Amino acid sequence: MNNLALIAILLIVMALAYQVGLTRSRTVATDGVRLHSRPGYYGMLVALWCGLPAFALFLLWSLAGTSLVELLVVRQLPPEIATLGERELSTFLRRVSALAADRAVSGTPSETELAAAAHMASLQTLGRMITIAAMAVAAVAGLVLARGRISPQLRARNQVERVITIALALCSGVAILTTVGIVLSMVGEAMNFFRFISPAEFFFGTTWNPRFSTSGDTGQGEFGLLPLLWGTLMVSAIALLVAVPLGLMTAIYMAEYAPAWLRNVAKPVIEVLAGIPTIVYGFFALIVIGPFLGDLVGISIRTTSALTAGLVMGIMIIPFVSSLSDDIITQVPKALRDGALGLGATKSETIRQVVLPAALPGIVGAFLLAASRAIGETMIVVLAAGNNPVLHANPFEAVSTITVTIVNQLTGDMDFASPQSLVAFALGLTLFVITLGLNVIALVVVRRYRQQYE
């Protein structure tokens, strides 16, 4: 029984427990006794007592079950395997886990690995059966206990609302917890990568040439980040050179010059660009923009190049710049415009010397957010930028970006134990830090220099 089916059954049991609590509370109230809370709260309280303990056991097994099973498997291994170093033992357990889940691994599994995988599979099955049984006992015990506690003096509403308050607080922290989980998962795997390759070689290396080999071998390939980082910055810079002026001019026209009927039609049409799937932009760049640039310029331009990817990516992020800048410009008080016009300034002078300086912090924040969007783009650069991880300054040639390399390194059957696959996590962590830094700078700029008008 998979986790989804188990949760569905638990929800059904909670629904039945709700009906039991609802019926019991109505029975107590039929004797002319006034209950503290409405019957629905008693039903909800019984459902919570039935479901929460069982769900807690489910979470406990989900979080600690894998580590417990691996510990038991290690105790049954031969001494020469159980006494391996931390890195070698981690690699061995990864392969065993893949075999236990019927996933392919590189190379031919040894007899020890097959035996350990069979033992791990049996332990996982046994642990799941014990967990299901414990969940059933906890659900029944909670149902019986909560039903027996129903009385006129029971403050069911207070208890239910307390649980709901805690649940809302947990939901409000989902974004933070998700971010922390993503960072921790990438940091852990990145640390495994840095056991193979030194951080200095990775962050300051100028050659990217990972040679794929069987897991566990060290010293293979070169993992210099600088060619990938340069390609990412080159494509993003081209995209911003397209998106920033076009987006800003579009925002100025829509906010200051366009009539209401044109603004109501044009702005939604422009924002449709943000809803087009990026894979469509990638095909458009590969099939249309690349050949068109070669014919237009009249020089040798590869179909896949930094210029092709940057131009199309710039078109994609125009709505981000124009929409955010438009909202910021329209928030500048009309009194500032009227004051400038009253002093004899023309409309263009008012926009240049009053409106744009007042909206500048928000516009800069929009530019930085668009930059972080460009740096993290994947599908356009996968199809249109090519795959040439070499340091060069020619935008007409193919480049390789961080996102393209992550896709390449994780394509195919990987056991996530070799540096060729683990490097994807180091690249992802680097990309995360870059985009996070841009977002933080944008927020600081907006909050520090934003002026409040009344």
Protein backbone atom coordinates (compact mmCIF):
# COMPACT_ATOMS: atom_id res chain seq x y z
CA MET A 1 0.00 0.00 0.00
CA ASN A 2 1.54 3.30 -1.08
CA ASN A 3 1.50 6.49 0.93
CA LEU A 4 -1.27 8.12 -1.11
CA ALA A 5 -3.65 5.21 -0.53
CA LEU A 6 -2.78 5.17 3.16
CA ILE A 7 -3.57 8.88 3.53
CA ALA A 8 -6.84 8.43 1.62
CA ILE A 9 -7.90 5.64 3.98
CA LEU A 10 -6.99 7.80 6.98
CA LEU A 11 -9.17 10.63 5.65
CA ILE A 12 -12.08 8.23 5.21
CA VAL A 13 -11.64 6.98 8.79
CA MET A 14 -11.60 10.59 10.03
CA ALA A 15 -14.84 11.27 8.16
CA LEU A 16 -16.45 8.28 9.87
CA ALA A 17 -15.09 9.47 13.23
CA TYR A 18 -16.67 12.87 12.60
CA GLN A 19 -20.05 11.25 12.11
CA VAL A 20 -19.57 9.22 15.30
CA GLY A 21 -18.77 12.36 17.31
CA LEU A 22 -21.63 14.29 15.73
CA THR A 23 -24.13 11.54 16.55
CA ARG A 24 -22.83 11.18 20.10
CA SER A 25 -23.07 14.94 20.79
CA ARG A 26 -26.64 15.06 19.52
CA THR A 27 -27.53 12.11 21.72
CA VAL A 28 -26.14 13.89 24.77
CA ALA A 29 -28.07 17.04 23.84
CA THR A 30 -31.44 15.24 23.52
CA ASP A 31 -31.84 15.05 27.29
CA GLY A 32 -32.37 18.81 27.52
CA VAL A 33 -28.75 19.44 28.46
CA ARG A 34 -27.10 22.48 26.91
CA LEU A 35 -23.77 21.71 25.28
CA HIS A 36 -20.85 24.11 25.47
CA SER A 37 -20.23 23.94 21.70
CA ARG A 38 -22.21 23.14 18.61
CA PRO A 39 -22.41 19.42 17.63
CA GLY A 40 -20.13 19.95 14.65
CA TYR A 41 -17.24 20.91 16.92
CA TYR A 42 -17.60 17.64 18.84
CA GLY A 43 -17.55 15.70 15.59
CA MET A 44 -14.45 17.59 14.48
CA LEU A 45 -12.76 16.97 17.81
CA VAL A 46 -13.35 13.22 17.56
CA ALA A 47 -12.04 13.23 13.97
CA LEU A 48 -8.88 15.06 15.08
CA TRP A 49 -8.28 12.68 17.98
CA CYS A 50 -8.70 9.81 15.54
CA GLY A 51 -6.55 11.14 12.72
CA LEU A 52 -3.75 13.18 14.27
CA PRO A 53 -2.06 10.40 16.30
CA ALA A 54 -2.20 8.06 13.32
CA PHE A 55 -0.83 10.75 11.04
CA ALA A 56 1.97 11.47 13.53
CA LEU A 57 3.01 7.81 13.36
CA PHE A 58 2.94 7.99 9.58
CA LEU A 59 5.22 11.05 9.61
CA LEU A 60 7.54 9.39 12.12
CA TRP A 61 8.03 6.38 9.88
CA SER A 62 8.42 8.57 6.79
CA LEU A 63 11.15 10.63 8.45
CA ALA A 64 13.03 8.00 10.45
CA GLY A 65 12.15 4.76 8.68
CA THR A 66 14.84 4.97 6.01
CA SER A 67 17.63 5.66 8.52
CA LEU A 68 16.44 2.83 10.76
CA VAL A 69 16.32 0.36 7.89
CA GLU A 70 19.80 1.36 6.71
CA LEU A 71 21.15 0.93 10.24
CA LEU A 72 19.72 -2.58 10.45
CA VAL A 73 21.08 -3.44 7.00
CA VAL A 74 24.57 -2.24 7.95
CA ARG A 75 24.53 -4.47 11.03
CA GLN A 76 23.92 -7.50 8.83
CA LEU A 77 26.69 -6.71 6.34
CA PRO A 78 29.98 -8.62 6.26
CA PRO A 79 32.73 -7.03 8.36
CA GLU A 80 34.75 -5.92 5.33
CA ILE A 81 31.74 -3.92 4.06
CA ALA A 82 30.43 -2.63 7.39
CA THR A 83 33.83 -1.15 8.28
CA LEU A 84 34.17 0.89 5.09
CA GLY A 85 34.68 4.61 5.24
CA GLU A 86 31.74 6.98 5.38
CA ARG A 87 31.88 7.87 1.70
CA GLU A 88 32.27 4.29 0.48
CA LEU A 89 29.52 3.05 2.80
CA SER A 90 27.20 5.84 1.64
CA THR A 91 27.83 4.87 -1.98
CA PHE A 92 27.15 1.21 -1.16
CA LEU A 93 23.87 2.04 0.59
CA ARG A 94 22.76 4.19 -2.34
CA ARG A 95 23.23 1.28 -4.69
CA VAL A 96 21.48 -1.10 -2.31
CA SER A 97 18.54 1.29 -1.96
CA ALA A 98 18.25 1.54 -5.73
CA LEU A 99 18.30 -2.24 -6.08
CA ALA A 100 15.71 -2.64 -3.32
CA ALA A 101 13.43 -0.25 -5.22
CA ASP A 102 14.01 -2.16 -8.50
CA ARG A 103 15.94 0.73 -10.04
CA ALA A 104 18.88 0.27 -12.35
CA VAL A 105 22.44 0.90 -11.13
CA SER A 106 25.67 1.31 -13.03
CA GLY A 107 27.73 -1.82 -13.42
CA THR A 108 26.83 -5.35 -12.36
CA PRO A 109 25.60 -5.69 -8.76
CA SER A 110 27.62 -7.97 -6.52
CA GLU A 111 26.17 -10.83 -4.50
CA THR A 112 26.62 -8.80 -1.32
CA GLU A 113 24.66 -5.90 -2.81
CA LEU A 114 21.85 -8.17 -3.98
CA ALA A 115 21.60 -9.86 -0.57
CA ALA A 116 21.61 -6.50 1.22
CA ALA A 117 18.94 -5.18 -1.18
CA ALA A 118 16.71 -8.20 -0.49
CA HIS A 119 17.19 -7.72 3.26
CA MET A 120 16.42 -4.00 2.96
CA ALA A 121 13.27 -4.70 0.95
CA SER A 122 12.02 -7.15 3.56
CA LEU A 123 12.73 -4.68 6.38
CA GLN A 124 10.90 -1.92 4.53
CA THR A 125 7.88 -4.17 4.05
CA LEU A 126 7.91 -5.22 7.69
CA GLY A 127 8.29 -1.63 8.86
CA ARG A 128 5.38 -0.47 6.71
CA MET A 129 3.16 -3.26 8.05
CA ILE A 130 4.05 -2.35 11.63
CA THR A 131 3.36 1.31 10.88
CA ILE A 132 -0.05 0.54 9.39
CA ALA A 133 -0.96 -1.60 12.38
CA ALA A 134 0.17 1.09 14.82
CA MET A 135 -1.81 3.71 12.89
CA ALA A 136 -4.93 1.56 13.07
CA VAL A 137 -4.54 1.05 16.82
CA ALA A 138 -3.93 4.77 17.37
CA ALA A 139 -6.95 5.73 15.27
CA VAL A 140 -9.29 3.35 17.09
CA ALA A 141 -7.94 4.36 20.50
CA GLY A 142 -8.32 8.05 19.69
CA LEU A 143 -11.86 7.49 18.44
CA VAL A 144 -12.95 5.59 21.55
CA LEU A 145 -11.24 8.02 23.93
CA ALA A 146 -12.62 11.17 22.27
CA ARG A 147 -16.13 9.73 22.01
CA GLY A 148 -16.11 8.88 25.71
CA ARG A 149 -15.03 12.43 26.64
CA ILE A 150 -18.03 14.08 24.99
CA SER A 151 -20.01 15.84 27.69
CA PRO A 152 -21.78 19.20 28.20
CA GLN A 153 -18.71 20.55 30.00
CA LEU A 154 -16.23 19.65 27.20
CA ARG A 155 -15.04 22.83 25.48
CA ALA A 156 -14.82 21.26 22.03
CA ARG A 157 -14.85 24.55 20.14
CA ASN A 158 -11.86 25.90 22.06
CA GLN A 159 -9.82 22.76 21.43
CA VAL A 160 -10.71 22.58 17.74
CA GLU A 161 -9.92 26.25 17.20
CA ARG A 162 -6.60 25.82 18.98
CA VAL A 163 -5.70 23.01 16.59
CA ILE A 164 -6.82 25.12 13.61
CA THR A 165 -4.68 28.02 14.82
CA ILE A 166 -1.63 25.78 15.01
CA ALA A 167 -2.40 24.39 11.55
CA LEU A 168 -2.66 27.91 10.10
CA ALA A 169 0.65 28.86 11.68
CA LEU A 170 2.28 25.79 10.13
CA CYS A 171 0.75 26.60 6.74
CA SER A 172 2.10 30.14 6.92
CA GLY A 173 5.59 28.67 7.35
CA VAL A 174 5.34 26.32 4.39
CA ALA A 175 7.27 28.68 2.11
CA ILE A 176 10.07 29.07 4.63
CA LEU A 177 10.21 25.36 5.40
CA THR A 178 10.19 24.51 1.71
CA THR A 179 13.06 26.88 1.05
CA VAL A 180 15.03 25.48 3.97
CA GLY A 181 14.36 21.92 2.79
CA ILE A 182 15.52 22.71 -0.74
CA VAL A 183 18.68 24.36 0.53
CA LEU A 184 19.50 21.54 2.94
CA SER A 185 18.97 18.88 0.29
CA MET A 186 21.24 20.69 -2.14
CA VAL A 187 23.84 21.46 0.52
CA GLY A 188 24.04 17.82 1.58
CA GLU A 189 24.57 16.51 -1.94
CA ALA A 190 26.90 19.39 -2.78
CA MET A 191 29.07 18.46 0.19
CA ASN A 192 29.26 14.91 -1.18
CA PHE A 193 30.42 16.38 -4.48
CA PHE A 194 33.11 18.46 -2.80
CA ARG A 195 34.53 15.25 -1.35
CA PHE A 196 35.47 14.34 -4.92
CA ILE A 197 36.35 17.80 -6.25
CA SER A 198 37.82 20.63 -4.21
CA PRO A 199 35.76 23.85 -3.94
CA ALA A 200 38.65 25.90 -5.34
CA GLU A 201 38.81 23.74 -8.44
CA PHE A 202 35.05 24.00 -8.89
CA PHE A 203 34.52 27.71 -8.30
CA PHE A 204 37.69 28.97 -10.02
CA GLY A 205 38.27 26.32 -12.67
CA THR A 206 38.18 27.45 -16.31
CA THR A 207 37.61 24.06 -17.94
CA TRP A 208 34.40 22.07 -17.93
CA ASN A 209 34.91 18.51 -19.11
CA PRO A 210 33.17 15.91 -16.90
CA ARG A 211 34.03 12.44 -18.13
CA PHE A 212 31.32 9.96 -17.22
CA SER A 213 32.50 6.75 -15.57
CA THR A 214 31.36 4.21 -13.05
CA SER A 215 30.42 5.52 -9.62
CA GLY A 216 33.03 5.66 -6.96
CA ASP A 217 35.99 6.51 -9.21
CA THR A 218 37.77 9.73 -8.31
CA GLY A 219 39.96 12.13 -10.24
CA GLN A 220 37.96 11.93 -13.48
CA GLY A 221 36.90 14.97 -15.41
CA GLU A 222 37.31 18.71 -14.89
CA PHE A 223 34.52 20.67 -13.20
CA GLY A 224 35.34 24.36 -13.63
CA LEU A 225 32.33 26.59 -12.98
CA LEU A 226 33.56 29.77 -14.71
CA PRO A 227 32.61 28.79 -18.32
CA LEU A 228 29.09 27.94 -17.21
CA LEU A 229 28.78 31.08 -15.07
CA TRP A 230 30.04 33.25 -17.92
CA GLY A 231 27.57 31.69 -20.36
CA THR A 232 24.73 32.26 -17.89
CA LEU A 233 25.69 35.90 -17.39
CA MET A 234 26.13 36.49 -21.13
CA VAL A 235 22.69 35.14 -22.05
CA SER A 236 21.07 36.97 -19.13
CA ALA A 237 22.77 40.25 -20.07
CA ILE A 238 21.50 40.00 -23.65
CA ALA A 239 18.02 39.24 -22.35
CA LEU A 240 18.09 42.27 -20.06
CA LEU A 241 19.36 44.50 -22.87
CA VAL A 242 16.22 43.52 -24.77
CA ALA A 243 13.70 43.43 -21.94
CA VAL A 244 14.69 46.48 -19.87
CA PRO A 245 14.35 49.24 -22.51
CA LEU A 246 11.36 47.67 -24.26
CA GLY A 247 9.60 46.86 -21.00
CA LEU A 248 10.27 50.27 -19.47
CA MET A 249 9.17 52.17 -22.59
CA THR A 250 6.05 50.03 -22.78
CA ALA A 251 5.27 50.78 -19.15
CA ILE A 252 5.78 54.53 -19.64
CA TYR A 253 3.52 54.59 -22.67
CA MET A 254 0.81 52.52 -21.01
CA ALA A 255 0.86 54.58 -17.82
CA GLU A 256 1.27 58.09 -19.24
CA TYR A 257 0.27 58.28 -22.88
CA ALA A 258 -2.07 55.44 -23.85
CA PRO A 259 -5.83 56.11 -23.80
CA ALA A 260 -7.88 54.00 -21.44
CA TRP A 261 -9.37 51.79 -24.15
CA LEU A 262 -5.95 50.98 -25.61
CA ARG A 263 -4.45 50.29 -22.17
CA ASN A 264 -7.30 47.93 -21.30
CA VAL A 265 -6.64 45.96 -24.48
CA ALA A 266 -2.87 46.13 -24.85
CA LYS A 267 -1.79 45.41 -21.28
CA PRO A 268 -3.53 41.98 -21.03
CA VAL A 269 -2.18 41.09 -24.48
CA ILE A 270 1.39 41.91 -23.40
CA GLU A 271 0.98 39.94 -20.18
CA VAL A 272 -0.05 36.90 -22.22
CA LEU A 273 3.64 36.59 -23.12
CA ALA A 274 4.33 35.61 -19.50
CA GLY A 275 1.84 32.74 -19.75
CA ILE A 276 3.37 31.09 -22.82
CA PRO A 277 5.27 27.91 -21.86
CA THR A 278 9.01 28.39 -22.05
CA ILE A 279 9.38 25.28 -24.21
CA VAL A 280 7.38 27.13 -26.89
CA TYR A 281 9.84 30.03 -26.69
CA GLY A 282 12.66 27.52 -27.05
CA PHE A 283 11.22 26.06 -30.25
CA PHE A 284 10.56 29.58 -31.55
CA ALA A 285 14.19 30.55 -30.93
CA LEU A 286 15.58 27.39 -32.50
CA ILE A 287 13.39 27.32 -35.60
CA VAL A 288 12.66 31.00 -36.32
CA ILE A 289 15.00 33.43 -34.53
CA GLY A 290 18.27 31.58 -35.14
CA PRO A 291 17.93 31.26 -38.94
CA PHE A 292 16.40 34.76 -39.14
CA LEU A 293 19.42 36.36 -37.45
CA GLY A 294 21.78 34.66 -39.87
CA ASP A 295 19.85 35.94 -42.88
CA LEU A 296 19.39 39.42 -41.41
CA VAL A 297 22.95 40.14 -40.37
CA GLY A 298 24.54 38.36 -43.29
CA ILE A 299 27.34 36.83 -41.24
CA SER A 300 27.90 33.35 -39.91
CA ILE A 301 25.68 32.95 -36.85
CA ARG A 302 24.99 29.54 -35.40
CA THR A 303 21.35 28.61 -34.95
CA THR A 304 22.09 27.86 -31.32
CA SER A 305 23.94 30.79 -29.81
CA ALA A 306 23.96 33.11 -26.83
CA LEU A 307 22.40 35.85 -28.98
CA THR A 308 19.49 33.66 -30.07
CA ALA A 309 18.70 32.50 -26.54
CA GLY A 310 19.16 35.98 -25.08
CA LEU A 311 16.85 37.69 -27.57
CA VAL A 312 14.02 35.23 -27.05
CA MET A 313 14.50 35.22 -23.30
CA GLY A 314 14.34 39.01 -23.35
CA ILE A 315 11.02 38.84 -25.18
CA MET A 316 9.77 36.41 -22.56
CA ILE A 317 10.60 38.65 -19.59
CA ILE A 318 9.27 41.87 -21.13
CA PRO A 319 5.94 41.38 -19.29
CA PHE A 320 7.76 41.11 -15.97
CA VAL A 321 9.48 44.46 -16.50
CA SER A 322 6.54 46.26 -18.12
CA SER A 323 3.85 45.06 -15.72
CA LEU A 324 5.83 45.75 -12.54
CA SER A 325 7.09 49.12 -13.83
CA ASP A 326 3.60 50.10 -14.99
CA ASP A 327 2.13 49.37 -11.56
CA ILE A 328 4.88 51.38 -9.88
CA ILE A 329 4.57 54.37 -12.23
CA THR A 330 0.79 54.53 -11.85
CA GLN A 331 1.22 54.64 -8.07
CA VAL A 332 3.08 57.95 -8.26
CA PRO A 333 0.56 60.56 -7.00
CA LYS A 334 -1.14 62.70 -9.60
CA ALA A 335 -0.40 65.76 -7.47
CA LEU A 336 3.30 65.50 -8.41
CA ARG A 337 2.44 65.51 -12.09
CA ASP A 338 0.04 68.44 -11.70
CA GLY A 339 2.63 70.40 -9.74
CA ALA A 340 5.29 69.91 -12.44
CA LEU A 341 2.87 70.81 -15.20
CA GLY A 342 1.76 73.88 -13.24
CA LEU A 343 5.38 75.07 -13.07
CA GLY A 344 5.59 74.98 -16.85
CA ALA A 345 7.18 71.57 -17.45
CA THR A 346 6.13 69.63 -20.53
CA LYS A 347 4.69 66.15 -20.25
CA SER A 348 7.95 64.50 -21.27
CA GLU A 349 9.91 66.64 -18.80
CA THR A 350 7.46 65.73 -16.06
CA ILE A 351 7.96 62.03 -16.79
CA ARG A 352 11.77 62.31 -16.93
CA GLN A 353 12.33 64.61 -13.96
CA VAL A 354 9.42 63.82 -11.61
CA VAL A 355 7.65 60.53 -12.32
CA LEU A 356 10.63 58.31 -13.09
CA PRO A 357 12.78 59.53 -10.15
CA ALA A 358 9.85 58.94 -7.81
CA ALA A 359 9.30 55.45 -9.20
CA LEU A 360 12.99 54.61 -9.71
CA PRO A 361 13.46 52.36 -6.63
CA GLY A 362 10.54 50.16 -7.63
CA ILE A 363 11.68 50.09 -11.25
CA VAL A 364 15.17 48.98 -10.18
CA GLY A 365 13.57 46.26 -8.09
CA ALA A 366 11.60 45.13 -11.16
CA PHE A 367 14.83 44.98 -13.18
CA LEU A 368 16.55 42.84 -10.56
CA LEU A 369 13.60 40.46 -10.31
CA ALA A 370 13.61 40.13 -14.10
CA ALA A 371 17.35 39.40 -13.95
CA SER A 372 16.82 36.60 -11.46
CA ARG A 373 14.10 35.21 -13.74
CA ALA A 374 16.48 35.27 -16.70
CA ILE A 375 19.33 33.60 -14.80
CA GLY A 376 17.09 30.74 -13.70
CA GLU A 377 15.52 30.06 -17.11
CA THR A 378 16.01 26.51 -18.40
CA MET A 379 14.08 25.42 -21.46
CA ILE A 380 14.96 28.35 -23.73
CA VAL A 381 18.68 27.99 -23.13
CA VAL A 382 18.51 24.19 -23.39
CA LEU A 383 17.14 24.47 -26.92
CA ALA A 384 18.60 27.76 -28.17
CA ALA A 385 21.92 28.39 -26.39
CA GLY A 386 23.65 25.20 -27.43
CA ASN A 387 26.14 23.31 -25.30
CA ASN A 388 29.61 24.78 -25.58
CA PRO A 389 31.17 25.23 -22.11
CA VAL A 390 34.09 27.36 -23.25
CA LEU A 391 35.12 30.82 -22.09
CA HIS A 392 34.61 33.22 -25.01
CA ALA A 393 33.03 36.64 -25.56
CA ASN A 394 31.40 35.95 -28.94
CA PRO A 395 27.59 36.10 -28.59
CA PHE A 396 27.23 34.55 -32.05
CA GLU A 397 28.66 31.24 -30.78
CA ALA A 398 27.01 28.58 -28.65
CA VAL A 399 27.48 28.70 -24.90
CA SER A 400 26.55 26.50 -21.99
CA THR A 401 24.73 27.81 -18.95
CA ILE A 402 24.31 26.46 -15.46
CA THR A 403 20.75 25.31 -16.10
CA VAL A 404 21.71 23.55 -19.35
CA THR A 405 24.49 21.71 -17.56
CA ILE A 406 22.19 20.61 -14.75
CA VAL A 407 19.85 19.08 -17.30
CA ASN A 408 22.73 17.35 -19.07
CA GLN A 409 24.24 15.96 -15.89
CA LEU A 410 20.93 14.52 -14.68
CA THR A 411 19.93 12.98 -18.01
CA GLY A 412 20.10 9.20 -18.12
CA ASP A 413 20.41 6.51 -15.45
CA MET A 414 22.23 7.95 -12.46
CA ASP A 415 22.87 6.49 -9.03
CA PHE A 416 23.83 9.90 -7.58
CA ALA A 417 27.07 8.59 -6.18
CA SER A 418 29.58 9.87 -8.77
CA PRO A 419 30.84 13.44 -9.16
CA GLN A 420 29.29 13.63 -12.64
CA SER A 421 25.81 13.47 -11.13
CA LEU A 422 26.50 15.14 -7.77
CA VAL A 423 27.85 18.23 -9.53
CA ALA A 424 24.27 19.07 -10.52
CA PHE A 425 23.50 19.80 -6.87
CA ALA A 426 26.54 22.05 -6.53
CA LEU A 427 25.45 23.91 -9.67
CA GLY A 428 21.89 24.17 -8.38
CA LEU A 429 23.10 25.54 -5.06
CA THR A 430 25.24 28.13 -6.87
CA LEU A 431 22.29 29.19 -9.01
CA PHE A 432 20.08 29.39 -5.94
CA VAL A 433 22.56 31.66 -4.16
CA ILE A 434 22.81 33.96 -7.20
CA THR A 435 19.05 34.33 -7.66
CA LEU A 436 18.48 34.67 -3.93
CA GLY A 437 21.07 37.43 -3.78
CA LEU A 438 19.38 39.32 -6.62
CA ASN A 439 16.00 39.03 -4.94
CA VAL A 440 17.42 40.22 -1.61
CA ILE A 441 19.10 43.19 -3.31
CA ALA A 442 15.81 44.04 -5.04
CA LEU A 443 13.90 43.97 -1.77
CA VAL A 444 16.54 46.05 0.01
CA VAL A 445 16.55 48.65 -2.77
CA VAL A 446 12.78 48.92 -2.80
CA ARG A 447 12.39 49.09 0.97
CA ARG A 448 15.27 51.46 1.59
CA TYR A 449 14.71 54.02 -1.12
CA ARG A 450 10.98 53.80 -1.68
CA GLN A 451 9.26 57.07 -0.85
CA GLN A 452 5.78 57.22 0.57
CA TYR A 453 3.39 59.73 -0.92
CA GLU A 454 0.10 60.75 0.57
